[in-house]
C-alpha cells in the first residue's frame, strides 16, 4: 500500500487548484522549493508523473487528474474524522475552512477579529474567490462554511441569512446623472458601465435586474476587483453596479455618488452556507452561530 502524507495531499491539491507552484507556495505560506520537494516525493510514491510544465504554466497529467479526484475525497474524509473526534471531545477548538466571495472581504476580517477574541483556540483558514469558484469548492466539499449572497439553486445546501446586502448604481460626482432625483431605471439604458467579471455574483445580479427591465447598457470594461472598479468610476470611465458594503467610505468622502434611481438600491442578503449533508465540527458550528447571532449589527457599523 502506498503511503501518502497529509502534507503531500494538501500540497498537491493546492498546486492542482492554482496550476502554479508560486501561487501554491504563497497560499500555503511556504517556499517554492518546499512545494517542489513535496510534489517530487509524492510522484515518487505514486510512481507516475502527476503534472508537467508547459512554458510557464502547469498542466495536470491524466494520472494527475485522477489523483486529484481521489485526493479531494481523501482529504474530505480526514476532515470529517477530525470533526467527529472534536465533537466527541466537546471542545470548541480546531480549524474552520471558510470561503468568501470577494465582496465580503470588506467586512469579514473585522468579524474574524471579533470571533477570535471569543474563541482564541479556533483557527479560521480563509479563502477568497468569485461566486463560480466558490460553487466549485462547495460542490467538492472542500470547505466547511461559505459567506455568499444568493444561495446555490442546484445544490442541497443549508443557507441562513445573517446580514443585508444593498446593491446600487454609482457614479463619479461630476457625472450628469449624479444630480438627478428619482430617475427611472430606464435612464441607465445608454449609460456606459464598468462591471465585474463573468462568474461574479454582483455581475449576475446586475444582469438579472437589468434584463427584467429591458436594459442592456454598453460595457466599456470588465474588472475582477471592486477596488479597481471604484477607481475607474471615480476617473469617469462609467457607472457601476456594486454592493454598498464596498463603498461606504467613498460615499462618505464624496468621491463616489449613489445614483437616486427608482427601485434602487436593491436589498439582498448575506448567507452563511454549507452543504446540507455537512456535519459541522464544534468549531465550524461556533463560527456559524457567531455570524447568525452577532454579525449583522457589526457589519452595519463597519460597512
C-alpha atoms as a PDB file:
ATOM      1  CA  UNK A   1       0.000   0.000   0.000  1.00  0.00           C
ATOM      2  CA  UNK A   2       1.340   3.405  -0.978  1.00  0.00           C
ATOM      3  CA  UNK A   3       1.930   5.892   1.853  1.00  0.00           C
ATOM      4  CA  UNK A   4       0.961   9.482   1.109  1.00  0.00           C
ATOM      5  CA  UNK A   5       1.288  12.125   3.794  1.00  0.00           C
ATOM      6  CA  UNK A   6      -1.460  14.634   4.502  1.00  0.00           C
ATOM      7  CA  UNK A   7       1.019  17.390   3.764  1.00  0.00           C
ATOM      8  CA  UNK A   8       1.708  15.925   0.334  1.00  0.00           C
ATOM      9  CA  UNK A   9      -2.006  15.703  -0.435  1.00  0.00           C
ATOM     10  CA  UNK A  10      -2.619  19.285   0.722  1.00  0.00           C
ATOM     11  CA  UNK A  11       0.309  20.499  -1.362  1.00  0.00           C
ATOM     12  CA  UNK A  12      -0.810  18.611  -4.470  1.00  0.00           C
ATOM     13  CA  UNK A  13      -4.386  19.900  -4.209  1.00  0.00           C
ATOM     14  CA  UNK A  14      -3.205  23.499  -3.852  1.00  0.00           C
ATOM     15  CA  UNK A  15      -0.924  23.155  -6.901  1.00  0.00           C
ATOM     16  CA  UNK A  16      -3.752  21.490  -8.843  1.00  0.00           C
ATOM     17  CA  UNK A  17      -6.166  24.259  -7.834  1.00  0.00           C
ATOM     18  CA  UNK A  18      -3.822  27.131  -8.742  1.00  0.00           C
ATOM     19  CA  UNK A  19      -1.876  25.392 -11.555  1.00  0.00           C
ATOM     20  CA  UNK A  20       1.067  27.377 -10.241  1.00  0.00           C
ATOM     21  CA  UNK A  21       3.854  26.420  -7.829  1.00  0.00           C
ATOM     22  CA  UNK A  22       4.472  30.047  -6.860  1.00  0.00           C
ATOM     23  CA  UNK A  23       0.813  30.754  -6.021  1.00  0.00           C
ATOM     24  CA  UNK A  24       0.501  27.468  -4.161  1.00  0.00           C
ATOM     25  CA  UNK A  25       3.584  28.367  -2.112  1.00  0.00           C
ATOM     26  CA  UNK A  26       2.111  31.769  -1.325  1.00  0.00           C
ATOM     27  CA  UNK A  27      -1.222  30.274  -0.267  1.00  0.00           C
ATOM     28  CA  UNK A  28       0.429  27.645   1.951  1.00  0.00           C
ATOM     29  CA  UNK A  29       2.987  30.123   3.368  1.00  0.00           C
ATOM     30  CA  UNK A  30       5.995  28.023   2.344  1.00  0.00           C
ATOM     31  CA  UNK A  31       8.814  28.394  -0.177  1.00  0.00           C
ATOM     32  CA  UNK A  32       8.627  27.255  -3.791  1.00  0.00           C
ATOM     33  CA  UNK A  33      11.429  24.697  -3.269  1.00  0.00           C
ATOM     34  CA  UNK A  34       9.395  23.197  -0.407  1.00  0.00           C
ATOM     35  CA  UNK A  35       6.416  22.792  -2.748  1.00  0.00           C
ATOM     36  CA  UNK A  36       8.592  21.225  -5.446  1.00  0.00           C
ATOM     37  CA  UNK A  37      10.085  18.787  -2.928  1.00  0.00           C
ATOM     38  CA  UNK A  38       6.663  17.660  -1.695  1.00  0.00           C
ATOM     39  CA  UNK A  39       5.452  17.170  -5.265  1.00  0.00           C
ATOM     40  CA  UNK A  40       8.571  15.191  -6.179  1.00  0.00           C
ATOM     41  CA  UNK A  41       8.189  12.907  -3.163  1.00  0.00           C
ATOM     42  CA  UNK A  42       4.513  12.363  -3.972  1.00  0.00           C
ATOM     43  CA  UNK A  43       5.250  11.456  -7.586  1.00  0.00           C
ATOM     44  CA  UNK A  44       7.921   9.017  -6.410  1.00  0.00           C
ATOM     45  CA  UNK A  45       5.398   7.390  -4.071  1.00  0.00           C
ATOM     46  CA  UNK A  46       2.757   7.203  -6.813  1.00  0.00           C
ATOM     47  CA  UNK A  47       5.199   6.035  -9.451  1.00  0.00           C
ATOM     48  CA  UNK A  48       3.674   8.292 -12.105  1.00  0.00           C
ATOM     49  CA  UNK A  49       4.093  11.929 -13.197  1.00  0.00           C
ATOM     50  CA  UNK A  50       1.158  13.964 -11.881  1.00  0.00           C
ATOM     51  CA  UNK A  51       1.849  17.259 -13.614  1.00  0.00           C
ATOM     52  CA  UNK A  52       4.004  18.751 -16.337  1.00  0.00           C
ATOM     53  CA  UNK A  53       5.414  22.156 -17.103  1.00  0.00           C
ATOM     54  CA  UNK A  54       4.113  23.781 -20.293  1.00  0.00           C
ATOM     55  CA  UNK A  55       6.018  27.031 -20.715  1.00  0.00           C
ATOM     56  CA  UNK A  56       5.357  28.960 -17.528  1.00  0.00           C
ATOM     57  CA  UNK A  57       2.167  27.084 -16.803  1.00  0.00           C
ATOM     58  CA  UNK A  58       1.440  23.778 -15.097  1.00  0.00           C
ATOM     59  CA  UNK A  59      -0.897  21.153 -16.503  1.00  0.00           C
ATOM     60  CA  UNK A  60      -2.093  18.031 -14.713  1.00  0.00           C
ATOM     61  CA  UNK A  61      -1.411  14.756 -16.497  1.00  0.00           C
ATOM     62  CA  UNK A  62      -4.229  12.234 -16.947  1.00  0.00           C
ATOM     63  CA  UNK A  63      -2.916  10.439 -13.863  1.00  0.00           C
ATOM     64  CA  UNK A  64      -2.802  13.755 -12.014  1.00  0.00           C
ATOM     65  CA  UNK A  65      -6.447  14.467 -12.831  1.00  0.00           C
ATOM     66  CA  UNK A  66      -7.471  11.054 -11.495  1.00  0.00           C
ATOM     67  CA  UNK A  67      -5.303  11.518  -8.420  1.00  0.00           C
ATOM     68  CA  UNK A  68      -6.904  14.942  -7.775  1.00  0.00           C
ATOM     69  CA  UNK A  69     -10.409  13.477  -7.540  1.00  0.00           C
ATOM     70  CA  UNK A  70      -9.373  10.772  -5.085  1.00  0.00           C
ATOM     71  CA  UNK A  71      -7.226  13.195  -3.073  1.00  0.00           C
ATOM     72  CA  UNK A  72     -10.175  15.575  -2.664  1.00  0.00           C
ATOM     73  CA  UNK A  73     -12.293  12.726  -1.288  1.00  0.00           C
ATOM     74  CA  UNK A  74      -9.494  11.506   0.981  1.00  0.00           C
ATOM     75  CA  UNK A  75      -8.848  14.933   2.481  1.00  0.00           C
ATOM     76  CA  UNK A  76     -12.581  15.492   2.988  1.00  0.00           C
ATOM     77  CA  UNK A  77     -12.825  12.151   4.833  1.00  0.00           C
ATOM     78  CA  UNK A  78      -9.879  13.061   7.053  1.00  0.00           C
ATOM     79  CA  UNK A  79     -11.502  16.409   7.853  1.00  0.00           C
ATOM     80  CA  UNK A  80     -14.732  14.631   8.815  1.00  0.00           C
ATOM     81  CA  UNK A  81     -12.698  12.313  11.054  1.00  0.00           C
ATOM     82  CA  UNK A  82     -11.140  15.316  12.811  1.00  0.00           C
ATOM     83  CA  UNK A  83     -14.553  16.952  13.199  1.00  0.00           C
ATOM     84  CA  UNK A  84     -16.132  13.799  14.615  1.00  0.00           C
ATOM     85  CA  UNK A  85     -13.398  13.410  17.219  1.00  0.00           C
ATOM     86  CA  UNK A  86     -13.584  17.102  18.136  1.00  0.00           C
ATOM     87  CA  UNK A  87     -17.342  16.732  18.615  1.00  0.00           C
ATOM     88  CA  UNK A  88     -16.799  13.780  20.923  1.00  0.00           C
ATOM     89  CA  UNK A  89     -14.306  15.770  22.967  1.00  0.00           C
ATOM     90  CA  UNK A  90     -16.917  18.511  23.276  1.00  0.00           C
ATOM     91  CA  UNK A  91     -14.375  21.284  22.915  1.00  0.00           C
ATOM     92  CA  UNK A  92     -14.524  24.355  20.741  1.00  0.00           C
ATOM     93  CA  UNK A  93     -11.158  24.351  19.128  1.00  0.00           C
ATOM     94  CA  UNK A  94      -9.826  23.247  15.795  1.00  0.00           C
ATOM     95  CA  UNK A  95      -9.800  24.654  12.273  1.00  0.00           C
ATOM     96  CA  UNK A  96     -12.594  26.015  10.092  1.00  0.00           C
ATOM     97  CA  UNK A  97     -12.178  26.234   6.319  1.00  0.00           C
ATOM     98  CA  UNK A  98     -14.127  29.379   5.377  1.00  0.00           C
ATOM     99  CA  UNK A  99     -14.590  30.611   1.809  1.00  0.00           C
ATOM    100  CA  UNK A 100     -15.995  34.044   0.983  1.00  0.00           C
ATOM    101  CA  UNK A 101     -16.951  35.841  -2.209  1.00  0.00           C
ATOM    102  CA  UNK A 102     -14.714  38.818  -2.934  1.00  0.00           C
ATOM    103  CA  UNK A 103     -17.269  41.473  -1.954  1.00  0.00           C
ATOM    104  CA  UNK A 104     -17.385  40.064   1.593  1.00  0.00           C
ATOM    105  CA  UNK A 105     -13.724  40.962   2.178  1.00  0.00           C
ATOM    106  CA  UNK A 106     -14.854  44.441   3.253  1.00  0.00           C
ATOM    107  CA  UNK A 107     -16.337  43.182   6.494  1.00  0.00           C
ATOM    108  CA  UNK A 108     -15.213  39.584   7.118  1.00  0.00           C
ATOM    109  CA  UNK A 109     -11.766  40.481   8.582  1.00  0.00           C
ATOM    110  CA  UNK A 110     -13.479  42.648  11.195  1.00  0.00           C
ATOM    111  CA  UNK A 111     -15.839  39.799  12.050  1.00  0.00           C
ATOM    112  CA  UNK A 112     -12.981  37.311  12.362  1.00  0.00           C
ATOM    113  CA  UNK A 113     -11.146  39.611  14.765  1.00  0.00           C
ATOM    114  CA  UNK A 114     -14.238  39.645  16.993  1.00  0.00           C
ATOM    115  CA  UNK A 115     -14.666  35.896  16.632  1.00  0.00           C
ATOM    116  CA  UNK A 116     -11.061  35.162  17.620  1.00  0.00           C
ATOM    117  CA  UNK A 117     -11.459  37.198  20.789  1.00  0.00           C
ATOM    118  CA  UNK A 118     -14.305  34.896  21.796  1.00  0.00           C
ATOM    119  CA  UNK A 119     -12.698  31.673  20.550  1.00  0.00           C
ATOM    120  CA  UNK A 120      -8.898  32.091  20.552  1.00  0.00           C
ATOM    121  CA  UNK A 121      -8.314  28.348  20.074  1.00  0.00           C
ATOM    122  CA  UNK A 122     -10.208  28.173  16.775  1.00  0.00           C
ATOM    123  CA  UNK A 123      -8.151  28.715  13.622  1.00  0.00           C
ATOM    124  CA  UNK A 124     -10.014  30.030  10.577  1.00  0.00           C
ATOM    125  CA  UNK A 125      -8.460  29.317   7.191  1.00  0.00           C
ATOM    126  CA  UNK A 126      -9.854  31.908   4.786  1.00  0.00           C
ATOM    127  CA  UNK A 127     -10.202  31.591   1.010  1.00  0.00           C
ATOM    128  CA  UNK A 128     -11.334  34.400  -1.308  1.00  0.00           C
ATOM    129  CA  UNK A 129     -12.951  33.616  -4.670  1.00  0.00           C
ATOM    130  CA  UNK A 130     -15.674  34.766  -7.041  1.00  0.00           C
ATOM    131  CA  UNK A 131     -19.043  33.029  -6.956  1.00  0.00           C
ATOM    132  CA  UNK A 132     -18.276  30.426  -9.633  1.00  0.00           C
ATOM    133  CA  UNK A 133     -15.129  29.242  -7.872  1.00  0.00           C
ATOM    134  CA  UNK A 134     -16.949  29.171  -4.538  1.00  0.00           C
ATOM    135  CA  UNK A 135     -19.609  26.915  -6.064  1.00  0.00           C
ATOM    136  CA  UNK A 136     -16.925  24.507  -7.261  1.00  0.00           C
ATOM    137  CA  UNK A 137     -15.310  24.338  -3.821  1.00  0.00           C
ATOM    138  CA  UNK A 138     -18.681  23.837  -2.178  1.00  0.00           C
ATOM    139  CA  UNK A 139     -19.700  21.107  -4.591  1.00  0.00           C
ATOM    140  CA  UNK A 140     -16.448  19.210  -3.955  1.00  0.00           C
ATOM    141  CA  UNK A 141     -16.922  19.529  -0.170  1.00  0.00           C
ATOM    142  CA  UNK A 142     -13.534  21.233   0.183  1.00  0.00           C
ATOM    143  CA  UNK A 143     -14.776  23.885   2.622  1.00  0.00           C
ATOM    144  CA  UNK A 144     -16.807  23.975   5.810  1.00  0.00           C
ATOM    145  CA  UNK A 145     -18.655  27.279   5.510  1.00  0.00           C
ATOM    146  CA  UNK A 146     -19.262  29.868   2.803  1.00  0.00           C
ATOM    147  CA  UNK A 147     -20.199  33.524   3.102  1.00  0.00           C
ATOM    148  CA  UNK A 148     -22.047  34.443  -0.082  1.00  0.00           C
ATOM    149  CA  UNK A 149     -25.080  36.267  -1.383  1.00  0.00           C
ATOM    150  CA  UNK A 150     -27.724  34.130  -3.088  1.00  0.00           C
ATOM    151  CA  UNK A 151     -27.545  30.501  -2.033  1.00  0.00           C
ATOM    152  CA  UNK A 152     -27.000  27.974  -4.862  1.00  0.00           C
ATOM    153  CA  UNK A 153     -30.110  26.553  -6.517  1.00  0.00           C
ATOM    154  CA  UNK A 154     -28.522  23.364  -7.826  1.00  0.00           C
ATOM    155  CA  UNK A 155     -27.110  22.002  -4.537  1.00  0.00           C
ATOM    156  CA  UNK A 156     -28.686  20.766  -1.339  1.00  0.00           C
ATOM    157  CA  UNK A 157     -27.407  23.469   1.000  1.00  0.00           C
ATOM    158  CA  UNK A 158     -28.271  24.951   4.365  1.00  0.00           C
ATOM    159  CA  UNK A 159     -28.188  28.749   3.985  1.00  0.00           C
ATOM    160  CA  UNK A 160     -29.002  31.188   6.788  1.00  0.00           C
ATOM    161  CA  UNK A 161     -29.339  34.966   6.422  1.00  0.00           C
ATOM    162  CA  UNK A 162     -27.151  36.993   8.772  1.00  0.00           C
ATOM    163  CA  UNK A 163     -26.900  40.498   7.211  1.00  0.00           C
ATOM    164  CA  UNK A 164     -28.310  42.729   4.484  1.00  0.00           C
ATOM    165  CA  UNK A 165     -26.502  43.469   1.237  1.00  0.00           C
ATOM    166  CA  UNK A 166     -27.863  46.590  -0.527  1.00  0.00           C
ATOM    167  CA  UNK A 167     -26.868  46.927  -4.195  1.00  0.00           C
ATOM    168  CA  UNK A 168     -26.968  50.120  -6.231  1.00  0.00           C
ATOM    169  CA  UNK A 169     -25.551  52.105  -9.149  1.00  0.00           C
ATOM    170  CA  UNK A 170     -22.699  54.535  -8.508  1.00  0.00           C
ATOM    171  CA  UNK A 171     -21.056  57.332 -10.462  1.00  0.00           C
ATOM    172  CA  UNK A 172     -18.365  59.956 -10.197  1.00  0.00           C
ATOM    173  CA  UNK A 173     -19.556  63.207  -8.508  1.00  0.00           C
ATOM    174  CA  UNK A 174     -19.342  65.151 -11.803  1.00  0.00           C
ATOM    175  CA  UNK A 175     -21.433  62.654 -13.785  1.00  0.00           C
ATOM    176  CA  UNK A 176     -24.687  64.258 -15.110  1.00  0.00           C
ATOM    177  CA  UNK A 177     -26.862  61.573 -13.502  1.00  0.00           C
ATOM    178  CA  UNK A 178     -25.404  62.313 -10.062  1.00  0.00           C
ATOM    179  CA  UNK A 179     -27.726  65.344  -9.846  1.00  0.00           C
ATOM    180  CA  UNK A 180     -30.913  63.579 -10.950  1.00  0.00           C
ATOM    181  CA  UNK A 181     -33.575  62.737  -8.365  1.00  0.00           C
ATOM    182  CA  UNK A 182     -35.981  59.779  -8.556  1.00  0.00           C
ATOM    183  CA  UNK A 183     -34.812  58.914 -12.057  1.00  0.00           C
ATOM    184  CA  UNK A 184     -36.424  55.900 -13.782  1.00  0.00           C
ATOM    185  CA  UNK A 185     -34.319  52.767 -14.171  1.00  0.00           C
ATOM    186  CA  UNK A 186     -34.632  53.123 -17.935  1.00  0.00           C
ATOM    187  CA  UNK A 187     -32.291  56.116 -17.802  1.00  0.00           C
ATOM    188  CA  UNK A 188     -29.410  53.642 -17.484  1.00  0.00           C
ATOM    189  CA  UNK A 189     -30.133  52.088 -20.897  1.00  0.00           C
ATOM    190  CA  UNK A 190     -27.494  54.068 -22.812  1.00  0.00           C
ATOM    191  CA  UNK A 191     -25.029  54.663 -19.994  1.00  0.00           C
ATOM    192  CA  UNK A 192     -21.573  53.075 -20.147  1.00  0.00           C
ATOM    193  CA  UNK A 193     -20.769  50.629 -17.352  1.00  0.00           C
ATOM    194  CA  UNK A 194     -17.654  49.220 -15.718  1.00  0.00           C
ATOM    195  CA  UNK A 195     -18.562  45.763 -14.422  1.00  0.00           C
ATOM    196  CA  UNK A 196     -17.296  42.756 -12.508  1.00  0.00           C
ATOM    197  CA  UNK A 197     -16.096  39.697 -14.395  1.00  0.00           C
ATOM    198  CA  UNK A 198     -18.264  36.793 -15.543  1.00  0.00           C
ATOM    199  CA  UNK A 199     -18.721  34.431 -12.627  1.00  0.00           C
ATOM    200  CA  UNK A 200     -19.171  37.240 -10.122  1.00  0.00           C
ATOM    201  CA  UNK A 201     -22.377  37.228  -8.078  1.00  0.00           C
ATOM    202  CA  UNK A 202     -22.556  41.030  -8.381  1.00  0.00           C
ATOM    203  CA  UNK A 203     -22.378  40.760 -12.177  1.00  0.00           C
ATOM    204  CA  UNK A 204     -25.064  38.054 -12.237  1.00  0.00           C
ATOM    205  CA  UNK A 205     -27.452  40.132 -10.122  1.00  0.00           C
ATOM    206  CA  UNK A 206     -26.868  43.249 -12.224  1.00  0.00           C
ATOM    207  CA  UNK A 207     -27.614  41.367 -15.453  1.00  0.00           C
ATOM    208  CA  UNK A 208     -30.722  39.775 -13.953  1.00  0.00           C
ATOM    209  CA  UNK A 209     -32.130  43.112 -12.719  1.00  0.00           C
ATOM    210  CA  UNK A 210     -31.347  44.929 -15.956  1.00  0.00           C
ATOM    211  CA  UNK A 211     -32.812  42.127 -18.095  1.00  0.00           C
ATOM    212  CA  UNK A 212     -36.078  42.306 -16.143  1.00  0.00           C
ATOM    213  CA  UNK A 213     -36.375  45.956 -17.214  1.00  0.00           C
ATOM    214  CA  UNK A 214     -35.140  45.537 -20.806  1.00  0.00           C
ATOM    215  CA  UNK A 215     -31.853  47.327 -20.098  1.00  0.00           C
ATOM    216  CA  UNK A 216     -28.641  46.267 -21.822  1.00  0.00           C
ATOM    217  CA  UNK A 217     -26.163  49.123 -21.315  1.00  0.00           C
ATOM    218  CA  UNK A 218     -22.817  49.208 -23.133  1.00  0.00           C
ATOM    219  CA  UNK A 219     -19.984  47.694 -21.100  1.00  0.00           C
ATOM    220  CA  UNK A 220     -16.701  49.540 -21.531  1.00  0.00           C
ATOM    221  CA  UNK A 221     -14.590  47.291 -19.298  1.00  0.00           C
ATOM    222  CA  UNK A 222     -14.695  44.180 -17.090  1.00  0.00           C
ATOM    223  CA  UNK A 223     -12.606  44.094 -13.933  1.00  0.00           C
ATOM    224  CA  UNK A 224     -12.154  41.340 -11.304  1.00  0.00           C
ATOM    225  CA  UNK A 225     -11.681  43.785  -8.431  1.00  0.00           C
ATOM    226  CA  UNK A 226     -14.137  46.095  -6.665  1.00  0.00           C
ATOM    227  CA  UNK A 227     -11.249  48.409  -5.781  1.00  0.00           C
ATOM    228  CA  UNK A 228     -10.209  48.802  -9.421  1.00  0.00           C
ATOM    229  CA  UNK A 229     -13.826  49.389 -10.435  1.00  0.00           C
ATOM    230  CA  UNK A 230     -14.173  52.151  -7.838  1.00  0.00           C
ATOM    231  CA  UNK A 231     -11.066  53.876  -9.162  1.00  0.00           C
ATOM    232  CA  UNK A 232     -12.363  53.584 -12.745  1.00  0.00           C
ATOM    233  CA  UNK A 233     -15.728  55.091 -11.803  1.00  0.00           C
ATOM    234  CA  UNK A 234     -14.043  57.949  -9.904  1.00  0.00           C
ATOM    235  CA  UNK A 235     -11.927  58.603 -13.012  1.00  0.00           C
ATOM    236  CA  UNK A 236     -15.085  58.978 -15.119  1.00  0.00           C
ATOM    237  CA  UNK A 237     -14.871  55.737 -17.089  1.00  0.00           C
ATOM    238  CA  UNK A 238     -18.533  54.950 -16.497  1.00  0.00           C
ATOM    239  CA  UNK A 239     -21.140  53.837 -13.983  1.00  0.00           C
ATOM    240  CA  UNK A 240     -21.055  50.627 -11.991  1.00  0.00           C
ATOM    241  CA  UNK A 241     -23.377  48.326 -10.061  1.00  0.00           C
ATOM    242  CA  UNK A 242     -21.852  47.385  -6.693  1.00  0.00           C
ATOM    243  CA  UNK A 243     -22.682  46.372  -3.167  1.00  0.00           C
ATOM    244  CA  UNK A 244     -22.984  49.440  -0.964  1.00  0.00           C
ATOM    245  CA  UNK A 245     -20.998  47.490   1.635  1.00  0.00           C
ATOM    246  CA  UNK A 246     -17.941  48.097  -0.555  1.00  0.00           C
ATOM    247  CA  UNK A 247     -18.228  51.875  -0.956  1.00  0.00           C
ATOM    248  CA  UNK A 248     -19.260  53.320   2.402  1.00  0.00           C
ATOM    249  CA  UNK A 249     -16.093  55.353   2.858  1.00  0.00           C
ATOM    250  CA  UNK A 250     -16.047  56.666  -0.741  1.00  0.00           C
ATOM    251  CA  UNK A 251     -19.676  57.795  -0.420  1.00  0.00           C
ATOM    252  CA  UNK A 252     -18.960  59.494   2.898  1.00  0.00           C
ATOM    253  CA  UNK A 253     -15.946  61.341   1.460  1.00  0.00           C
ATOM    254  CA  UNK A 254     -17.807  62.431  -1.684  1.00  0.00           C
ATOM    255  CA  UNK A 255     -15.517  60.558  -4.072  1.00  0.00           C
ATOM    256  CA  UNK A 256     -18.467  58.476  -5.318  1.00  0.00           C
ATOM    257  CA  UNK A 257     -22.202  59.147  -5.600  1.00  0.00           C
ATOM    258  CA  UNK A 258     -25.062  56.687  -5.195  1.00  0.00           C
ATOM    259  CA  UNK A 259     -27.497  57.438  -8.015  1.00  0.00           C
ATOM    260  CA  UNK A 260     -31.076  58.220  -6.954  1.00  0.00           C
ATOM    261  CA  UNK A 261     -32.964  55.767  -9.155  1.00  0.00           C
ATOM    262  CA  UNK A 262     -36.435  54.356  -8.558  1.00  0.00           C
ATOM    263  CA  UNK A 263     -36.260  50.741  -7.398  1.00  0.00           C
ATOM    264  CA  UNK A 264     -32.656  51.053  -6.232  1.00  0.00           C
ATOM    265  CA  UNK A 265     -30.861  50.152  -4.088  1.00  0.00           C
ATOM    266  CA  UNK A 266     -31.975  46.536  -4.182  1.00  0.00           C
ATOM    267  CA  UNK A 267     -31.594  44.888  -0.790  1.00  0.00           C
ATOM    268  CA  UNK A 268     -30.256  41.354  -0.940  1.00  0.00           C
ATOM    269  CA  UNK A 269     -28.798  39.345   1.924  1.00  0.00           C
ATOM    270  CA  UNK A 270     -25.611  37.688   3.038  1.00  0.00           C
ATOM    271  CA  UNK A 271     -25.891  33.994   3.897  1.00  0.00           C
ATOM    272  CA  UNK A 272     -23.686  31.596   5.802  1.00  0.00           C
ATOM    273  CA  UNK A 273     -23.942  28.434   3.751  1.00  0.00           C
ATOM    274  CA  UNK A 274     -22.773  24.828   3.821  1.00  0.00           C
ATOM    275  CA  UNK A 275     -23.748  21.546   2.225  1.00  0.00           C
ATOM    276  CA  UNK A 276     -26.893  20.177   3.845  1.00  0.00           C
ATOM    277  CA  UNK A 277     -25.100  16.852   4.320  1.00  0.00           C
ATOM    278  CA  UNK A 278     -22.135  18.529   6.014  1.00  0.00           C
ATOM    279  CA  UNK A 279     -21.541  17.501   9.600  1.00  0.00           C
ATOM    280  CA  UNK A 280     -20.197  20.687  11.136  1.00  0.00           C
ATOM    281  CA  UNK A 281     -17.475  20.426  13.737  1.00  0.00           C
ATOM    282  CA  UNK A 282     -17.941  22.291  17.035  1.00  0.00           C
ATOM    283  CA  UNK A 283     -15.537  24.935  15.700  1.00  0.00           C
ATOM    284  CA  UNK A 284     -17.499  25.421  12.475  1.00  0.00           C
ATOM    285  CA  UNK A 285     -20.780  25.462  14.383  1.00  0.00           C
ATOM    286  CA  UNK A 286     -19.363  28.123  16.710  1.00  0.00           C
ATOM    287  CA  UNK A 287     -18.443  30.340  13.730  1.00  0.00           C
ATOM    288  CA  UNK A 288     -21.827  29.794  12.090  1.00  0.00           C
ATOM    289  CA  UNK A 289     -23.666  30.704  15.314  1.00  0.00           C
ATOM    290  CA  UNK A 290     -21.490  33.790  15.775  1.00  0.00           C
ATOM    291  CA  UNK A 291     -22.323  35.032  12.276  1.00  0.00           C
ATOM    292  CA  UNK A 292     -26.056  34.469  12.706  1.00  0.00           C
ATOM    293  CA  UNK A 293     -26.277  35.989  16.180  1.00  0.00           C
ATOM    294  CA  UNK A 294     -23.773  38.858  16.071  1.00  0.00           C
ATOM    295  CA  UNK A 295     -22.540  39.710  12.579  1.00  0.00           C
ATOM    296  CA  UNK A 296     -25.466  41.794  11.287  1.00  0.00           C
ATOM    297  CA  UNK A 297     -25.203  44.726  13.742  1.00  0.00           C
ATOM    298  CA  UNK A 298     -21.392  44.688  13.495  1.00  0.00           C
ATOM    299  CA  UNK A 299     -21.500  44.949   9.700  1.00  0.00           C
ATOM    300  CA  UNK A 300     -23.945  47.853   9.885  1.00  0.00           C
ATOM    301  CA  UNK A 301     -21.404  49.736  11.996  1.00  0.00           C
ATOM    302  CA  UNK A 302     -18.439  48.857   9.799  1.00  0.00           C
ATOM    303  CA  UNK A 303     -19.586  48.773   6.170  1.00  0.00           C
END
